[in-house]
Amino acid sequence: MKARIHVNQHIIRSNRKSGLKEPTLTIKTSRKNIKASSVNIDGPCQIVYSPEKPLSCGATVWIETDTRHIQQVDHQEPQWDVDREVQEVLGLGSD
């Protein structure tokens, strides 16, 4: 499954003003968005700059990769099991 990772500049600005450290990265898949502070990509990826056709959230620069290449996501929610989510999307349960 394709994933797009981008930096949310609005959260960066908000963090500066408030002194908080909310996660500034967003990992977008066709199924959901995950907010993170750190992401490891262990495989091919592409950095895209597309000011003429931004993402629906307004991002003009992002990283594209396959979810199989995202090895670690550091965020405030319970750890995201990329492999399990990909299996669920493909209908490959662990039966």
PDB file of N, CA and C in Angstrom:
ATOM      1  N   MET A   1       0.836  -1.161   0.000  1.00  0.00           N
ATOM      2  CA  MET A   1       0.000   0.000   0.000  1.00  0.00           C
ATOM      3  C   MET A   1       0.894   1.241   0.000  1.00  0.00           C
ATOM      4  N   LYS A   2       0.532   2.231  -0.769  1.00  0.00           N
ATOM      5  CA  LYS A   2       1.299   3.461  -0.878  1.00  0.00           C
ATOM      6  C   LYS A   2       1.118   4.313   0.377  1.00  0.00           C
ATOM      7  N   ALA A   3       2.202   4.952   0.799  1.00  0.00           N
ATOM      8  CA  ALA A   3       2.159   5.877   1.930  1.00  0.00           C
ATOM      9  C   ALA A   3       2.814   7.184   1.514  1.00  0.00           C
ATOM     10  N   ARG A   4       2.255   8.278   1.977  1.00  0.00           N
ATOM     11  CA  ARG A   4       2.842   9.604   1.772  1.00  0.00           C
ATOM     12  C   ARG A   4       3.127  10.192   3.138  1.00  0.00           C
ATOM     13  N   ILE A   5       4.333  10.692   3.312  1.00  0.00           N
ATOM     14  CA  ILE A   5       4.751  11.257   4.594  1.00  0.00           C
ATOM     15  C   ILE A   5       5.073  12.726   4.363  1.00  0.00           C
ATOM     16  N   HIS A   6       4.467  13.598   5.167  1.00  0.00           N
ATOM     17  CA  HIS A   6       4.790  15.014   5.036  1.00  0.00           C
ATOM     18  C   HIS A   6       4.857  15.689   6.395  1.00  0.00           C
ATOM     19  N   VAL A   7       5.484  16.867   6.398  1.00  0.00           N
ATOM     20  CA  VAL A   7       5.654  17.655   7.606  1.00  0.00           C
ATOM     21  C   VAL A   7       4.523  18.683   7.663  1.00  0.00           C
ATOM     22  N   ASN A   8       3.845  18.749   8.806  1.00  0.00           N
ATOM     23  CA  ASN A   8       2.742  19.687   8.970  1.00  0.00           C
ATOM     24  C   ASN A   8       3.286  20.996   9.538  1.00  0.00           C
ATOM     25  N   GLN A   9       3.427  21.999   8.682  1.00  0.00           N
ATOM     26  CA  GLN A   9       4.013  23.278   9.099  1.00  0.00           C
ATOM     27  C   GLN A   9       3.142  24.019  10.111  1.00  0.00           C
ATOM     28  N   HIS A  10       1.824  23.784  10.087  1.00  0.00           N
ATOM     29  CA  HIS A  10       0.934  24.442  11.039  1.00  0.00           C
ATOM     30  C   HIS A  10       1.195  23.946  12.466  1.00  0.00           C
ATOM     31  N   ILE A  11       1.482  22.651  12.595  1.00  0.00           N
ATOM     32  CA  ILE A  11       1.789  22.110  13.924  1.00  0.00           C
ATOM     33  C   ILE A  11       3.143  22.623  14.402  1.00  0.00           C
ATOM     34  N   ILE A  12       4.104  22.773  13.501  1.00  0.00           N
ATOM     35  CA  ILE A  12       5.410  23.334  13.881  1.00  0.00           C
ATOM     36  C   ILE A  12       5.218  24.737  14.447  1.00  0.00           C
ATOM     37  N   ARG A  13       4.438  25.561  13.752  1.00  0.00           N
ATOM     38  CA  ARG A  13       4.182  26.930  14.240  1.00  0.00           C
ATOM     39  C   ARG A  13       3.464  26.915  15.588  1.00  0.00           C
ATOM     40  N   SER A  14       2.464  26.048  15.710  1.00  0.00           N
ATOM     41  CA  SER A  14       1.715  25.947  16.957  1.00  0.00           C
ATOM     42  C   SER A  14       2.624  25.499  18.103  1.00  0.00           C
ATOM     43  N   ASN A  15       3.499  24.533  17.845  1.00  0.00           N
ATOM     44  CA  ASN A  15       4.433  24.064  18.868  1.00  0.00           C
ATOM     45  C   ASN A  15       5.350  25.192  19.333  1.00  0.00           C
ATOM     46  N   ARG A  16       5.808  26.021  18.398  1.00  0.00           N
ATOM     47  CA  ARG A  16       6.675  27.148  18.766  1.00  0.00           C
ATOM     48  C   ARG A  16       5.963  28.112  19.707  1.00  0.00           C
ATOM     49  N   LYS A  17       4.710  28.407  19.393  1.00  0.00           N
ATOM     50  CA  LYS A  17       3.946  29.360  20.202  1.00  0.00           C
ATOM     51  C   LYS A  17       3.578  28.784  21.565  1.00  0.00           C
ATOM     52  N   SER A  18       3.183  27.516  21.592  1.00  0.00           N
ATOM     53  CA  SER A  18       2.659  26.922  22.821  1.00  0.00           C
ATOM     54  C   SER A  18       3.722  26.243  23.686  1.00  0.00           C
ATOM     55  N   GLY A  19       4.876  25.932  23.097  1.00  0.00           N
ATOM     56  CA  GLY A  19       5.907  25.208  23.827  1.00  0.00           C
ATOM     57  C   GLY A  19       5.658  23.703  23.869  1.00  0.00           C
ATOM     58  N   LEU A  20       4.597  23.239  23.207  1.00  0.00           N
ATOM     59  CA  LEU A  20       4.297  21.808  23.154  1.00  0.00           C
ATOM     60  C   LEU A  20       5.180  21.111  22.128  1.00  0.00           C
ATOM     61  N   LYS A  21       5.139  19.791  22.117  1.00  0.00           N
ATOM     62  CA  LYS A  21       5.882  19.007  21.125  1.00  0.00           C
ATOM     63  C   LYS A  21       4.938  18.003  20.468  1.00  0.00           C
ATOM     64  N   GLU A  22       3.867  18.520  19.881  1.00  0.00           N
ATOM     65  CA  GLU A  22       2.931  17.644  19.164  1.00  0.00           C
ATOM     66  C   GLU A  22       3.635  17.055  17.940  1.00  0.00           C
ATOM     67  N   PRO A  23       3.309  15.824  17.538  1.00  0.00           N
ATOM     68  CA  PRO A  23       3.941  15.205  16.368  1.00  0.00           C
ATOM     69  C   PRO A  23       3.692  16.034  15.112  1.00  0.00           C
ATOM     70  N   THR A  24       4.741  16.268  14.326  1.00  0.00           N
ATOM     71  CA  THR A  24       4.637  17.132  13.146  1.00  0.00           C
ATOM     72  C   THR A  24       4.596  16.374  11.829  1.00  0.00           C
ATOM     73  N   LEU A  25       4.815  15.074  11.872  1.00  0.00           N
ATOM     74  CA  LEU A  25       4.778  14.277  10.646  1.00  0.00           C
ATOM     75  C   LEU A  25       3.418  13.609  10.507  1.00  0.00           C
ATOM     76  N   THR A  26       2.948  13.518   9.275  1.00  0.00           N
ATOM     77  CA  THR A  26       1.712  12.786   8.998  1.00  0.00           C
ATOM     78  C   THR A  26       2.009  11.725   7.963  1.00  0.00           C
ATOM     79  N   ILE A  27       1.635  10.489   8.265  1.00  0.00           N
ATOM     80  CA  ILE A  27       1.754   9.379   7.320  1.00  0.00           C
ATOM     81  C   ILE A  27       0.349   9.119   6.803  1.00  0.00           C
ATOM     82  N   LYS A  28       0.155   9.353   5.517  1.00  0.00           N
ATOM     83  CA  LYS A  28      -1.160   9.182   4.913  1.00  0.00           C
ATOM     84  C   LYS A  28      -1.176   7.914   4.074  1.00  0.00           C
ATOM     85  N   THR A  29      -2.149   7.061   4.334  1.00  0.00           N
ATOM     86  CA  THR A  29      -2.395   5.899   3.486  1.00  0.00           C
ATOM     87  C   THR A  29      -3.825   6.020   2.995  1.00  0.00           C
ATOM     88  N   SER A  30      -4.245   5.091   2.169  1.00  0.00           N
ATOM     89  CA  SER A  30      -5.630   5.127   1.689  1.00  0.00           C
ATOM     90  C   SER A  30      -6.604   4.801   2.811  1.00  0.00           C
ATOM     91  N   ARG A  31      -6.108   4.218   3.911  1.00  0.00           N
ATOM     92  CA  ARG A  31      -6.957   3.791   5.020  1.00  0.00           C
ATOM     93  C   ARG A  31      -7.030   4.794   6.172  1.00  0.00           C
ATOM     94  N   LYS A  32      -5.899   5.465   6.472  1.00  0.00           N
ATOM     95  CA  LYS A  32      -5.904   6.385   7.612  1.00  0.00           C
ATOM     96  C   LYS A  32      -4.691   7.299   7.596  1.00  0.00           C
ATOM     97  N   ASN A  33      -4.715   8.273   8.501  1.00  0.00           N
ATOM     98  CA  ASN A  33      -3.594   9.175   8.722  1.00  0.00           C
ATOM     99  C   ASN A  33      -3.022   8.882  10.104  1.00  0.00           C
ATOM    100  N   ILE A  34      -1.701   8.823  10.194  1.00  0.00           N
ATOM    101  CA  ILE A  34      -1.038   8.584  11.462  1.00  0.00           C
ATOM    102  C   ILE A  34      -0.103   9.751  11.721  1.00  0.00           C
ATOM    103  N   LYS A  35      -0.200  10.355  12.901  1.00  0.00           N
ATOM    104  CA  LYS A  35       0.697  11.444  13.274  1.00  0.00           C
ATOM    105  C   LYS A  35       1.908  10.846  13.978  1.00  0.00           C
ATOM    106  N   ALA A  36       3.096  11.378  13.663  1.00  0.00           N
ATOM    107  CA  ALA A  36       4.330  10.824  14.224  1.00  0.00           C
ATOM    108  C   ALA A  36       5.376  11.912  14.423  1.00  0.00           C
ATOM    109  N   SER A  37       6.327  11.615  15.292  1.00  0.00           N
ATOM    110  CA  SER A  37       7.474  12.502  15.491  1.00  0.00           C
ATOM    111  C   SER A  37       8.695  11.988  14.748  1.00  0.00           C
ATOM    112  N   SER A  38       8.698  10.686  14.435  1.00  0.00           N
ATOM    113  CA  SER A  38       9.841  10.058  13.791  1.00  0.00           C
ATOM    114  C   SER A  38       9.356   8.884  12.952  1.00  0.00           C
ATOM    115  N   VAL A  39       9.945   8.722  11.767  1.00  0.00           N
ATOM    116  CA  VAL A  39       9.598   7.618  10.875  1.00  0.00           C
ATOM    117  C   VAL A  39      10.888   7.079  10.257  1.00  0.00           C
ATOM    118  N   ASN A  40      11.071   5.767  10.284  1.00  0.00           N
ATOM    119  CA  ASN A  40      12.197   5.135   9.593  1.00  0.00           C
ATOM    120  C   ASN A  40      11.682   4.484   8.321  1.00  0.00           C
ATOM    121  N   ILE A  41      12.349   4.776   7.207  1.00  0.00           N
ATOM    122  CA  ILE A  41      11.997   4.177   5.920  1.00  0.00           C
ATOM    123  C   ILE A  41      13.149   3.285   5.518  1.00  0.00           C
ATOM    124  N   ASP A  42      12.890   1.989   5.409  1.00  0.00           N
ATOM    125  CA  ASP A  42      13.924   1.016   5.091  1.00  0.00           C
ATOM    126  C   ASP A  42      13.634   0.431   3.722  1.00  0.00           C
ATOM    127  N   GLY A  43      13.821   1.223   2.689  1.00  0.00           N
ATOM    128  CA  GLY A  43      13.544   0.776   1.335  1.00  0.00           C
ATOM    129  C   GLY A  43      13.413   1.967   0.402  1.00  0.00           C
ATOM    130  N   PRO A  44      13.037   1.694  -0.830  1.00  0.00           N
ATOM    131  CA  PRO A  44      12.933   2.770  -1.810  1.00  0.00           C
ATOM    132  C   PRO A  44      11.885   3.802  -1.413  1.00  0.00           C
ATOM    133  N   CYS A  45      12.199   5.055  -1.685  1.00  0.00           N
ATOM    134  CA  CYS A  45      11.239   6.124  -1.473  1.00  0.00           C
ATOM    135  C   CYS A  45      11.560   7.246  -2.461  1.00  0.00           C
ATOM    136  N   GLN A  46      10.631   8.156  -2.594  1.00  0.00           N
ATOM    137  CA  GLN A  46      10.803   9.270  -3.524  1.00  0.00           C
ATOM    138  C   GLN A  46      10.323  10.540  -2.831  1.00  0.00           C
ATOM    139  N   ILE A  47      11.109  11.620  -2.935  1.00  0.00           N
ATOM    140  CA  ILE A  47      10.690  12.916  -2.414  1.00  0.00           C
ATOM    141  C   ILE A  47      10.060  13.678  -3.572  1.00  0.00           C
ATOM    142  N   VAL A  48       8.841  14.167  -3.349  1.00  0.00           N
ATOM    143  CA  VAL A  48       8.072  14.831  -4.401  1.00  0.00           C
ATOM    144  C   VAL A  48       7.838  16.290  -4.029  1.00  0.00           C
ATOM    145  N   TYR A  49       8.070  17.198  -4.980  1.00  0.00           N
ATOM    146  CA  TYR A  49       7.715  18.613  -4.848  1.00  0.00           C
ATOM    147  C   TYR A  49       6.717  18.914  -5.935  1.00  0.00           C
ATOM    148  N   SER A  50       5.503  19.261  -5.554  1.00  0.00           N
ATOM    149  CA  SER A  50       4.440  19.469  -6.525  1.00  0.00           C
ATOM    150  C   SER A  50       3.586  20.685  -6.142  1.00  0.00           C
ATOM    151  N   PRO A  51       4.121  21.909  -6.342  1.00  0.00           N
ATOM    152  CA  PRO A  51       3.352  23.098  -5.957  1.00  0.00           C
ATOM    153  C   PRO A  51       2.101  23.300  -6.806  1.00  0.00           C
ATOM    154  N   GLU A  52       2.133  22.793  -8.033  1.00  0.00           N
ATOM    155  CA  GLU A  52       0.968  22.966  -8.914  1.00  0.00           C
ATOM    156  C   GLU A  52      -0.160  21.983  -8.595  1.00  0.00           C
ATOM    157  N   LYS A  53       0.167  20.882  -7.907  1.00  0.00           N
ATOM    158  CA  LYS A  53      -0.843  19.889  -7.540  1.00  0.00           C
ATOM    159  C   LYS A  53      -0.555  19.377  -6.125  1.00  0.00           C
ATOM    160  N   PRO A  54      -0.874  20.193  -5.108  1.00  0.00           N
ATOM    161  CA  PRO A  54      -0.598  19.774  -3.726  1.00  0.00           C
ATOM    162  C   PRO A  54      -1.544  18.668  -3.277  1.00  0.00           C
ATOM    163  N   LEU A  55      -1.192  18.035  -2.156  1.00  0.00           N
ATOM    164  CA  LEU A  55      -2.091  17.058  -1.547  1.00  0.00           C
ATOM    165  C   LEU A  55      -3.344  17.778  -1.046  1.00  0.00           C
ATOM    166  N   SER A  56      -4.374  17.031  -0.743  1.00  0.00           N
ATOM    167  CA  SER A  56      -5.626  17.641  -0.293  1.00  0.00           C
ATOM    168  C   SER A  56      -5.446  18.463   0.992  1.00  0.00           C
ATOM    169  N   CYS A  57      -4.433  18.133   1.788  1.00  0.00           N
ATOM    170  CA  CYS A  57      -4.163  18.878   3.027  1.00  0.00           C
ATOM    171  C   CYS A  57      -3.381  20.157   2.758  1.00  0.00           C
ATOM    172  N   GLY A  58      -2.899  20.347   1.518  1.00  0.00           N
ATOM    173  CA  GLY A  58      -2.146  21.538   1.156  1.00  0.00           C
ATOM    174  C   GLY A  58      -0.647  21.320   1.051  1.00  0.00           C
ATOM    175  N   ALA A  59      -0.153  20.151   1.438  1.00  0.00           N
ATOM    176  CA  ALA A  59       1.291  19.879   1.377  1.00  0.00           C
ATOM    177  C   ALA A  59       1.777  19.900  -0.064  1.00  0.00           C
ATOM    178  N   THR A  60       2.916  20.553  -0.298  1.00  0.00           N
ATOM    179  CA  THR A  60       3.504  20.609  -1.633  1.00  0.00           C
ATOM    180  C   THR A  60       4.780  19.777  -1.742  1.00  0.00           C
ATOM    181  N   VAL A  61       5.297  19.310  -0.605  1.00  0.00           N
ATOM    182  CA  VAL A  61       6.473  18.434  -0.582  1.00  0.00           C
ATOM    183  C   VAL A  61       6.140  17.253   0.324  1.00  0.00           C
ATOM    184  N   TRP A  62       6.438  16.040  -0.155  1.00  0.00           N
ATOM    185  CA  TRP A  62       6.186  14.852   0.654  1.00  0.00           C
ATOM    186  C   TRP A  62       7.092  13.718   0.192  1.00  0.00           C
ATOM    187  N   ILE A  63       7.137  12.666   0.992  1.00  0.00           N
ATOM    188  CA  ILE A  63       7.893  11.456   0.663  1.00  0.00           C
ATOM    189  C   ILE A  63       6.890  10.366   0.335  1.00  0.00           C
ATOM    190  N   GLU A  64       7.101   9.675  -0.776  1.00  0.00           N
ATOM    191  CA  GLU A  64       6.257   8.541  -1.145  1.00  0.00           C
ATOM    192  C   GLU A  64       7.046   7.253  -0.983  1.00  0.00           C
ATOM    193  N   THR A  65       6.410   6.256  -0.398  1.00  0.00           N
ATOM    194  CA  THR A  65       7.008   4.940  -0.245  1.00  0.00           C
ATOM    195  C   THR A  65       5.890   3.927  -0.111  1.00  0.00           C
ATOM    196  N   ASP A  66       6.243   2.691   0.024  1.00  0.00           N
ATOM    197  CA  ASP A  66       5.265   1.639   0.267  1.00  0.00           C
ATOM    198  C   ASP A  66       5.256   1.376   1.766  1.00  0.00           C
ATOM    199  N   THR A  67       4.096   1.067   2.335  1.00  0.00           N
ATOM    200  CA  THR A  67       4.025   0.841   3.776  1.00  0.00           C
ATOM    201  C   THR A  67       4.940  -0.291   4.223  1.00  0.00           C
ATOM    202  N   ARG A  68       5.282  -1.212   3.326  1.00  0.00           N
ATOM    203  CA  ARG A  68       6.206  -2.305   3.692  1.00  0.00           C
ATOM    204  C   ARG A  68       7.581  -1.777   4.080  1.00  0.00           C
ATOM    205  N   HIS A  69       7.931  -0.553   3.628  1.00  0.00           N
ATOM    206  CA  HIS A  69       9.251   0.013   3.881  1.00  0.00           C
ATOM    207  C   HIS A  69       9.285   0.898   5.128  1.00  0.00           C
ATOM    208  N   ILE A  70       8.138   1.112   5.760  1.00  0.00           N
ATOM    209  CA  ILE A  70       8.106   1.893   6.990  1.00  0.00           C
ATOM    210  C   ILE A  70       8.324   0.919   8.140  1.00  0.00           C
ATOM    211  N   GLN A  71       9.505   1.002   8.753  1.00  0.00           N
ATOM    212  CA  GLN A  71       9.885   0.031   9.766  1.00  0.00           C
ATOM    213  C   GLN A  71       9.549   0.481  11.181  1.00  0.00           C
ATOM    214  N   GLN A  72       9.550   1.780  11.433  1.00  0.00           N
ATOM    215  CA  GLN A  72       9.295   2.256  12.789  1.00  0.00           C
ATOM    216  C   GLN A  72       8.579   3.589  12.716  1.00  0.00           C
ATOM    217  N   VAL A  73       7.576   3.731  13.538  1.00  0.00           N
ATOM    218  CA  VAL A  73       6.856   4.985  13.655  1.00  0.00           C
ATOM    219  C   VAL A  73       6.822   5.342  15.132  1.00  0.00           C
ATOM    220  N   ASP A  74       7.346   6.497  15.475  1.00  0.00           N
ATOM    221  CA  ASP A  74       7.347   6.959  16.863  1.00  0.00           C
ATOM    222  C   ASP A  74       6.261   8.012  17.014  1.00  0.00           C
ATOM    223  N   HIS A  75       5.209   7.683  17.740  1.00  0.00           N
ATOM    224  CA  HIS A  75       4.119   8.624  17.960  1.00  0.00           C
ATOM    225  C   HIS A  75       3.456   8.362  19.293  1.00  0.00           C
ATOM    226  N   GLN A  76       2.454   9.167  19.621  1.00  0.00           N
ATOM    227  CA  GLN A  76       1.856   9.103  20.941  1.00  0.00           C
ATOM    228  C   GLN A  76       0.774   8.043  21.068  1.00  0.00           C
ATOM    229  N   GLU A  77       0.279   7.530  19.968  1.00  0.00           N
ATOM    230  CA  GLU A  77      -0.733   6.481  20.004  1.00  0.00           C
ATOM    231  C   GLU A  77      -0.030   5.133  20.198  1.00  0.00           C
ATOM    232  N   PRO A  78      -0.784   4.042  20.442  1.00  0.00           N
ATOM    233  CA  PRO A  78      -0.145   2.724  20.504  1.00  0.00           C
ATOM    234  C   PRO A  78       0.642   2.458  19.214  1.00  0.00           C
ATOM    235  N   GLN A  79       1.731   1.741  19.315  1.00  0.00           N
ATOM    236  CA  GLN A  79       2.610   1.494  18.167  1.00  0.00           C
ATOM    237  C   GLN A  79       1.829   0.944  16.984  1.00  0.00           C
ATOM    238  N   TRP A  80       2.100   1.488  15.824  1.00  0.00           N
ATOM    239  CA  TRP A  80       1.407   1.124  14.589  1.00  0.00           C
ATOM    240  C   TRP A  80       2.100  -0.076  13.983  1.00  0.00           C
ATOM    241  N   ASP A  81       1.403  -1.184  13.844  1.00  0.00           N
ATOM    242  CA  ASP A  81       1.961  -2.392  13.245  1.00  0.00           C
ATOM    243  C   ASP A  81       1.687  -2.351  11.743  1.00  0.00           C
ATOM    244  N   VAL A  82       2.659  -1.848  10.987  1.00  0.00           N
ATOM    245  CA  VAL A  82       2.492  -1.657   9.549  1.00  0.00           C
ATOM    246  C   VAL A  82       2.197  -2.978   8.869  1.00  0.00           C
ATOM    247  N   ASP A  83       2.964  -4.027   9.194  1.00  0.00           N
ATOM    248  CA  ASP A  83       2.774  -5.315   8.544  1.00  0.00           C
ATOM    249  C   ASP A  83       1.357  -5.842   8.747  1.00  0.00           C
ATOM    250  N   ARG A  84       0.853  -5.728   9.984  1.00  0.00           N
ATOM    251  CA  ARG A  84      -0.490  -6.229  10.268  1.00  0.00           C
ATOM    252  C   ARG A  84      -1.535  -5.430   9.487  1.00  0.00           C
ATOM    253  N   GLU A  85      -1.362  -4.110   9.410  1.00  0.00           N
ATOM    254  CA  GLU A  85      -2.338  -3.302   8.675  1.00  0.00           C
ATOM    255  C   GLU A  85      -2.334  -3.665   7.194  1.00  0.00           C
ATOM    256  N   VAL A  86      -1.164  -3.846   6.619  1.00  0.00           N
ATOM    257  CA  VAL A  86      -1.087  -4.225   5.205  1.00  0.00           C
ATOM    258  C   VAL A  86      -1.781  -5.569   4.997  1.00  0.00           C
ATOM    259  N   GLN A  87      -1.562  -6.531   5.897  1.00  0.00           N
ATOM    260  CA  GLN A  87      -2.214  -7.836   5.779  1.00  0.00           C
ATOM    261  C   GLN A  87      -3.729  -7.697   5.855  1.00  0.00           C
ATOM    262  N   GLU A  88      -4.211  -6.833   6.757  1.00  0.00           N
ATOM    263  CA  GLU A  88      -5.653  -6.625   6.879  1.00  0.00           C
ATOM    264  C   GLU A  88      -6.225  -6.025   5.601  1.00  0.00           C
ATOM    265  N   VAL A  89      -5.533  -5.040   5.037  1.00  0.00           N
ATOM    266  CA  VAL A  89      -6.010  -4.404   3.807  1.00  0.00           C
ATOM    267  C   VAL A  89      -6.068  -5.407   2.669  1.00  0.00           C
ATOM    268  N   LEU A  90      -5.079  -6.299   2.615  1.00  0.00           N
ATOM    269  CA  LEU A  90      -5.020  -7.290   1.541  1.00  0.00           C
ATOM    270  C   LEU A  90      -5.882  -8.522   1.847  1.00  0.00           C
ATOM    271  N   GLY A  91      -6.491  -8.569   3.039  1.00  0.00           N
ATOM    272  CA  GLY A  91      -7.314  -9.702   3.412  1.00  0.00           C
ATOM    273  C   GLY A  91      -6.518 -10.943   3.717  1.00  0.00           C
ATOM    274  N   LEU A  92      -5.304 -10.763   4.262  1.00  0.00           N
ATOM    275  CA  LEU A  92      -4.424 -11.894   4.576  1.00  0.00           C
ATOM    276  C   LEU A  92      -4.338 -12.069   6.079  1.00  0.00           C
ATOM    277  N   GLY A  93      -5.438 -12.331   6.740  1.00  0.00           N
ATOM    278  CA  GLY A  93      -5.465 -12.503   8.198  1.00  0.00           C
ATOM    279  C   GLY A  93      -4.481 -13.545   8.672  1.00  0.00           C
ATOM    280  N   SER A  94      -4.199 -13.561   9.963  1.00  0.00           N
ATOM    281  CA  SER A  94      -3.212 -14.482  10.526  1.00  0.00           C
ATOM    282  C   SER A  94      -3.855 -15.787  10.980  1.00  0.00           C
ATOM    283  N   ASP A  95      -4.922 -16.227  10.324  1.00  0.00           N
ATOM    284  CA  ASP A  95      -5.636 -17.467  10.691  1.00  0.00           C
ATOM    285  C   ASP A  95      -4.760 -18.679  10.505  1.00  0.00           C
TER     286      ASP A  95
END
